[in-house]
Amino acid sequence: MSSGRIELFQGMLATDPSNTTVRYGLANELFKAARYEEAIEEYARYLREADDQGAGYGKLAQALEHCQRTEEAREAYQRGIEAATRHGHPGMAQDFRQSLDDLA
């Protein structure tokens, strides 16, 4: 099922590569399919192009953790804390702080 959704999102991005919502959707589908390196690439591109409120950084950090890229995961969580705080999401920021503590 996931590969069909991945292809769907890829097709939509082929026609509109600047659609950050679709890019985030593709990254999430890649993550669900355990295609973490590809998900990392898509999350990173999404985050370069969108004003994320924090969740994208959290998903990026989780994908990085799956790839044992701990230092990069820490950076992603920290950026997620900053974004969540900036956008008024204290609960999300606290969740990311806990995830950072768990990485230590």
N, C-alpha and C. Protein backbone atom coordinates (compact mmCIF):
# COMPACT_ATOMS: atom_id res chain seq x y z
N MET A 1 0.82 -1.20 0.00
CA MET A 1 0.00 0.00 0.00
C MET A 1 0.85 1.25 0.00
N SER A 2 1.90 1.26 0.81
CA SER A 2 2.72 2.45 0.95
C SER A 2 3.43 2.81 -0.36
N SER A 3 3.87 1.81 -1.13
CA SER A 3 4.58 2.12 -2.37
C SER A 3 3.66 2.84 -3.36
N GLY A 4 2.38 2.51 -3.36
CA GLY A 4 1.43 3.21 -4.22
C GLY A 4 1.29 4.67 -3.82
N ARG A 5 1.26 4.91 -2.52
CA ARG A 5 1.16 6.29 -2.03
C ARG A 5 2.45 7.05 -2.32
N ILE A 6 3.58 6.38 -2.19
CA ILE A 6 4.86 7.02 -2.50
C ILE A 6 4.87 7.45 -3.96
N GLU A 7 4.45 6.55 -4.84
CA GLU A 7 4.41 6.88 -6.27
C GLU A 7 3.44 8.01 -6.55
N LEU A 8 2.32 8.03 -5.84
CA LEU A 8 1.34 9.11 -6.00
C LEU A 8 1.96 10.46 -5.65
N PHE A 9 2.62 10.53 -4.49
CA PHE A 9 3.26 11.78 -4.08
C PHE A 9 4.39 12.17 -5.03
N GLN A 10 5.15 11.19 -5.49
CA GLN A 10 6.23 11.49 -6.44
C GLN A 10 5.67 12.06 -7.73
N GLY A 11 4.56 11.51 -8.18
CA GLY A 11 3.91 12.02 -9.38
C GLY A 11 3.43 13.45 -9.21
N MET A 12 2.85 13.73 -8.05
CA MET A 12 2.39 15.10 -7.79
C MET A 12 3.57 16.07 -7.73
N LEU A 13 4.69 15.62 -7.16
CA LEU A 13 5.86 16.50 -7.10
C LEU A 13 6.49 16.70 -8.48
N ALA A 14 6.33 15.74 -9.36
CA ALA A 14 6.86 15.89 -10.71
C ALA A 14 6.17 17.06 -11.42
N THR A 15 4.89 17.26 -11.12
CA THR A 15 4.16 18.37 -11.74
C THR A 15 4.31 19.67 -10.97
N ASP A 16 4.54 19.58 -9.66
CA ASP A 16 4.67 20.78 -8.84
C ASP A 16 5.74 20.56 -7.77
N PRO A 17 7.01 20.66 -8.15
CA PRO A 17 8.10 20.36 -7.21
C PRO A 17 8.19 21.31 -6.02
N SER A 18 7.51 22.44 -6.09
CA SER A 18 7.59 23.40 -4.98
C SER A 18 6.46 23.21 -3.96
N ASN A 19 5.63 22.20 -4.13
CA ASN A 19 4.51 21.96 -3.21
C ASN A 19 5.04 21.31 -1.93
N THR A 20 5.22 22.12 -0.90
CA THR A 20 5.80 21.62 0.34
C THR A 20 4.88 20.65 1.08
N THR A 21 3.59 20.82 0.94
CA THR A 21 2.65 19.90 1.59
C THR A 21 2.80 18.49 1.01
N VAL A 22 2.91 18.41 -0.29
CA VAL A 22 3.09 17.12 -0.95
C VAL A 22 4.45 16.53 -0.58
N ARG A 23 5.49 17.37 -0.52
CA ARG A 23 6.83 16.89 -0.16
C ARG A 23 6.82 16.30 1.25
N TYR A 24 6.13 16.97 2.16
CA TYR A 24 6.02 16.46 3.53
C TYR A 24 5.27 15.12 3.54
N GLY A 25 4.24 15.03 2.74
CA GLY A 25 3.50 13.77 2.63
C GLY A 25 4.38 12.65 2.10
N LEU A 26 5.18 12.95 1.09
CA LEU A 26 6.11 11.94 0.55
C LEU A 26 7.10 11.50 1.63
N ALA A 27 7.65 12.46 2.35
CA ALA A 27 8.61 12.12 3.41
C ALA A 27 7.96 11.21 4.44
N ASN A 28 6.73 11.51 4.82
CA ASN A 28 6.03 10.68 5.80
C ASN A 28 5.79 9.26 5.28
N GLU A 29 5.43 9.15 4.01
CA GLU A 29 5.21 7.81 3.43
C GLU A 29 6.52 7.03 3.37
N LEU A 30 7.60 7.69 3.02
CA LEU A 30 8.91 7.01 3.00
C LEU A 30 9.29 6.55 4.40
N PHE A 31 9.01 7.39 5.39
CA PHE A 31 9.28 7.03 6.77
C PHE A 31 8.48 5.78 7.16
N LYS A 32 7.18 5.78 6.84
CA LYS A 32 6.33 4.64 7.18
C LYS A 32 6.80 3.36 6.50
N ALA A 33 7.42 3.50 5.33
CA ALA A 33 7.92 2.35 4.59
C ALA A 33 9.33 1.96 5.04
N ALA A 34 9.82 2.59 6.10
CA ALA A 34 11.16 2.33 6.64
C ALA A 34 12.26 2.64 5.63
N ARG A 35 11.99 3.57 4.75
CA ARG A 35 12.99 4.04 3.78
C ARG A 35 13.56 5.34 4.34
N TYR A 36 14.30 5.17 5.45
CA TYR A 36 14.69 6.31 6.27
C TYR A 36 15.65 7.27 5.58
N GLU A 37 16.63 6.77 4.85
CA GLU A 37 17.56 7.68 4.17
C GLU A 37 16.83 8.56 3.17
N GLU A 38 15.91 7.97 2.42
CA GLU A 38 15.12 8.76 1.47
C GLU A 38 14.21 9.74 2.20
N ALA A 39 13.64 9.29 3.32
CA ALA A 39 12.79 10.18 4.11
C ALA A 39 13.60 11.36 4.62
N ILE A 40 14.82 11.11 5.07
CA ILE A 40 15.69 12.19 5.56
C ILE A 40 15.90 13.23 4.47
N GLU A 41 16.17 12.77 3.26
CA GLU A 41 16.38 13.70 2.14
C GLU A 41 15.13 14.55 1.90
N GLU A 42 13.96 13.93 1.93
CA GLU A 42 12.72 14.66 1.67
C GLU A 42 12.36 15.60 2.81
N TYR A 43 12.55 15.15 4.05
CA TYR A 43 12.29 16.05 5.18
C TYR A 43 13.23 17.26 5.11
N ALA A 44 14.50 17.01 4.81
CA ALA A 44 15.47 18.11 4.75
C ALA A 44 15.09 19.11 3.66
N ARG A 45 14.68 18.60 2.53
CA ARG A 45 14.27 19.51 1.45
C ARG A 45 13.01 20.28 1.85
N TYR A 46 12.05 19.59 2.43
CA TYR A 46 10.83 20.25 2.92
C TYR A 46 11.19 21.38 3.89
N LEU A 47 12.09 21.09 4.83
CA LEU A 47 12.43 22.07 5.86
C LEU A 47 13.20 23.26 5.29
N ARG A 48 13.90 23.07 4.20
CA ARG A 48 14.56 24.19 3.52
C ARG A 48 13.55 25.11 2.85
N GLU A 49 12.41 24.55 2.46
CA GLU A 49 11.43 25.28 1.66
C GLU A 49 10.22 25.77 2.43
N ALA A 50 9.96 25.24 3.62
CA ALA A 50 8.72 25.55 4.35
C ALA A 50 9.03 26.15 5.72
N ASP A 51 8.09 26.91 6.23
CA ASP A 51 8.16 27.42 7.60
C ASP A 51 7.45 26.41 8.50
N ASP A 52 8.16 25.37 8.84
CA ASP A 52 7.58 24.28 9.62
C ASP A 52 7.34 24.73 11.06
N GLN A 53 6.27 24.22 11.66
CA GLN A 53 5.92 24.59 13.02
C GLN A 53 6.56 23.67 14.06
N GLY A 54 7.33 22.70 13.60
CA GLY A 54 8.06 21.83 14.52
C GLY A 54 7.96 20.36 14.19
N ALA A 55 6.80 19.92 13.73
CA ALA A 55 6.58 18.48 13.51
C ALA A 55 7.55 17.89 12.49
N GLY A 56 7.86 18.63 11.44
CA GLY A 56 8.79 18.15 10.42
C GLY A 56 10.17 17.87 10.99
N TYR A 57 10.60 18.73 11.91
CA TYR A 57 11.89 18.52 12.56
C TYR A 57 11.88 17.27 13.42
N GLY A 58 10.75 17.03 14.09
CA GLY A 58 10.63 15.83 14.90
C GLY A 58 10.69 14.56 14.07
N LYS A 59 9.99 14.57 12.93
CA LYS A 59 10.02 13.40 12.04
C LYS A 59 11.42 13.21 11.46
N LEU A 60 12.08 14.30 11.08
CA LEU A 60 13.45 14.21 10.60
C LEU A 60 14.35 13.59 11.67
N ALA A 61 14.21 14.07 12.89
CA ALA A 61 15.02 13.54 13.99
C ALA A 61 14.78 12.04 14.18
N GLN A 62 13.53 11.61 14.11
CA GLN A 62 13.23 10.18 14.26
C GLN A 62 13.87 9.36 13.16
N ALA A 63 13.81 9.86 11.93
CA ALA A 63 14.43 9.14 10.81
C ALA A 63 15.94 9.07 11.01
N LEU A 64 16.53 10.16 11.47
CA LEU A 64 17.96 10.17 11.73
C LEU A 64 18.33 9.17 12.83
N GLU A 65 17.48 9.08 13.85
CA GLU A 65 17.72 8.10 14.91
C GLU A 65 17.72 6.68 14.36
N HIS A 66 16.80 6.38 13.46
CA HIS A 66 16.73 5.04 12.86
C HIS A 66 18.02 4.72 12.10
N CYS A 67 18.71 5.73 11.63
CA CYS A 67 19.95 5.55 10.87
C CYS A 67 21.18 5.73 11.76
N GLN A 68 20.97 5.75 13.07
CA GLN A 68 22.04 5.93 14.05
C GLN A 68 22.85 7.21 13.81
N ARG A 69 22.19 8.24 13.35
CA ARG A 69 22.82 9.54 13.12
C ARG A 69 22.41 10.46 14.28
N THR A 70 22.91 10.10 15.46
CA THR A 70 22.45 10.69 16.71
C THR A 70 22.73 12.19 16.81
N GLU A 71 23.91 12.62 16.44
CA GLU A 71 24.22 14.05 16.55
C GLU A 71 23.31 14.89 15.65
N GLU A 72 23.06 14.39 14.45
CA GLU A 72 22.16 15.09 13.55
C GLU A 72 20.73 15.09 14.10
N ALA A 73 20.35 13.99 14.75
CA ALA A 73 19.02 13.91 15.37
C ALA A 73 18.90 14.96 16.47
N ARG A 74 19.95 15.11 17.26
CA ARG A 74 19.94 16.14 18.31
C ARG A 74 19.71 17.52 17.71
N GLU A 75 20.43 17.81 16.64
CA GLU A 75 20.28 19.11 15.98
C GLU A 75 18.85 19.31 15.48
N ALA A 76 18.28 18.26 14.90
CA ALA A 76 16.91 18.36 14.38
C ALA A 76 15.92 18.60 15.52
N TYR A 77 16.08 17.88 16.63
CA TYR A 77 15.19 18.11 17.77
C TYR A 77 15.34 19.55 18.29
N GLN A 78 16.57 20.04 18.34
CA GLN A 78 16.79 21.41 18.83
C GLN A 78 16.11 22.42 17.91
N ARG A 79 16.23 22.22 16.62
CA ARG A 79 15.56 23.12 15.68
C ARG A 79 14.05 22.98 15.78
N GLY A 80 13.58 21.78 16.08
CA GLY A 80 12.16 21.57 16.28
C GLY A 80 11.65 22.30 17.52
N ILE A 81 12.45 22.30 18.58
CA ILE A 81 12.10 23.05 19.80
C ILE A 81 11.97 24.53 19.47
N GLU A 82 12.93 25.04 18.72
CA GLU A 82 12.91 26.46 18.35
C GLU A 82 11.68 26.78 17.50
N ALA A 83 11.38 25.94 16.52
CA ALA A 83 10.23 26.18 15.64
C ALA A 83 8.92 26.07 16.43
N ALA A 84 8.80 25.04 17.26
CA ALA A 84 7.58 24.85 18.04
C ALA A 84 7.35 26.02 18.99
N THR A 85 8.42 26.48 19.60
CA THR A 85 8.32 27.62 20.52
C THR A 85 7.91 28.88 19.76
N ARG A 86 8.53 29.11 18.63
CA ARG A 86 8.24 30.29 17.79
C ARG A 86 6.77 30.30 17.35
N HIS A 87 6.22 29.12 17.11
CA HIS A 87 4.85 29.01 16.60
C HIS A 87 3.82 28.74 17.71
N GLY A 88 4.26 28.82 18.96
CA GLY A 88 3.31 28.69 20.07
C GLY A 88 2.85 27.27 20.35
N HIS A 89 3.75 26.30 20.23
CA HIS A 89 3.42 24.90 20.51
C HIS A 89 4.29 24.38 21.65
N PRO A 90 4.03 24.82 22.89
CA PRO A 90 4.89 24.42 24.01
C PRO A 90 4.89 22.93 24.29
N GLY A 91 3.77 22.26 24.07
CA GLY A 91 3.72 20.81 24.30
C GLY A 91 4.65 20.06 23.36
N MET A 92 4.66 20.47 22.10
CA MET A 92 5.55 19.84 21.13
C MET A 92 7.01 20.11 21.51
N ALA A 93 7.30 21.34 21.92
CA ALA A 93 8.66 21.68 22.33
C ALA A 93 9.09 20.81 23.51
N GLN A 94 8.20 20.60 24.45
CA GLN A 94 8.51 19.76 25.61
C GLN A 94 8.74 18.31 25.19
N ASP A 95 7.94 17.80 24.27
CA ASP A 95 8.14 16.44 23.76
C ASP A 95 9.53 16.30 23.14
N PHE A 96 9.94 17.30 22.40
CA PHE A 96 11.27 17.25 21.76
C PHE A 96 12.38 17.34 22.80
N ARG A 97 12.16 18.13 23.86
CA ARG A 97 13.16 18.19 24.95
C ARG A 97 13.31 16.81 25.58
N GLN A 98 12.17 16.12 25.78
CA GLN A 98 12.23 14.78 26.36
C GLN A 98 12.97 13.82 25.42
N SER A 99 12.71 13.95 24.13
CA SER A 99 13.42 13.10 23.16
C SER A 99 14.91 13.38 23.18
N LEU A 100 15.29 14.64 23.34
CA LEU A 100 16.71 14.99 23.47
C LEU A 100 17.32 14.34 24.70
N ASP A 101 16.60 14.41 25.83
CA ASP A 101 17.09 13.79 27.06
C ASP A 101 17.25 12.29 26.88
N ASP A 102 16.33 11.68 26.15
CA ASP A 102 16.38 10.23 25.93
C ASP A 102 17.58 9.84 25.06
N LEU A 103 18.04 10.76 24.22
CA LEU A 103 19.20 10.47 23.37
C LEU A 103 20.50 10.48 24.16
N ALA A 104 20.52 11.17 25.30
CA ALA A 104 21.76 11.34 26.06
C ALA A 104 22.27 10.05 26.66
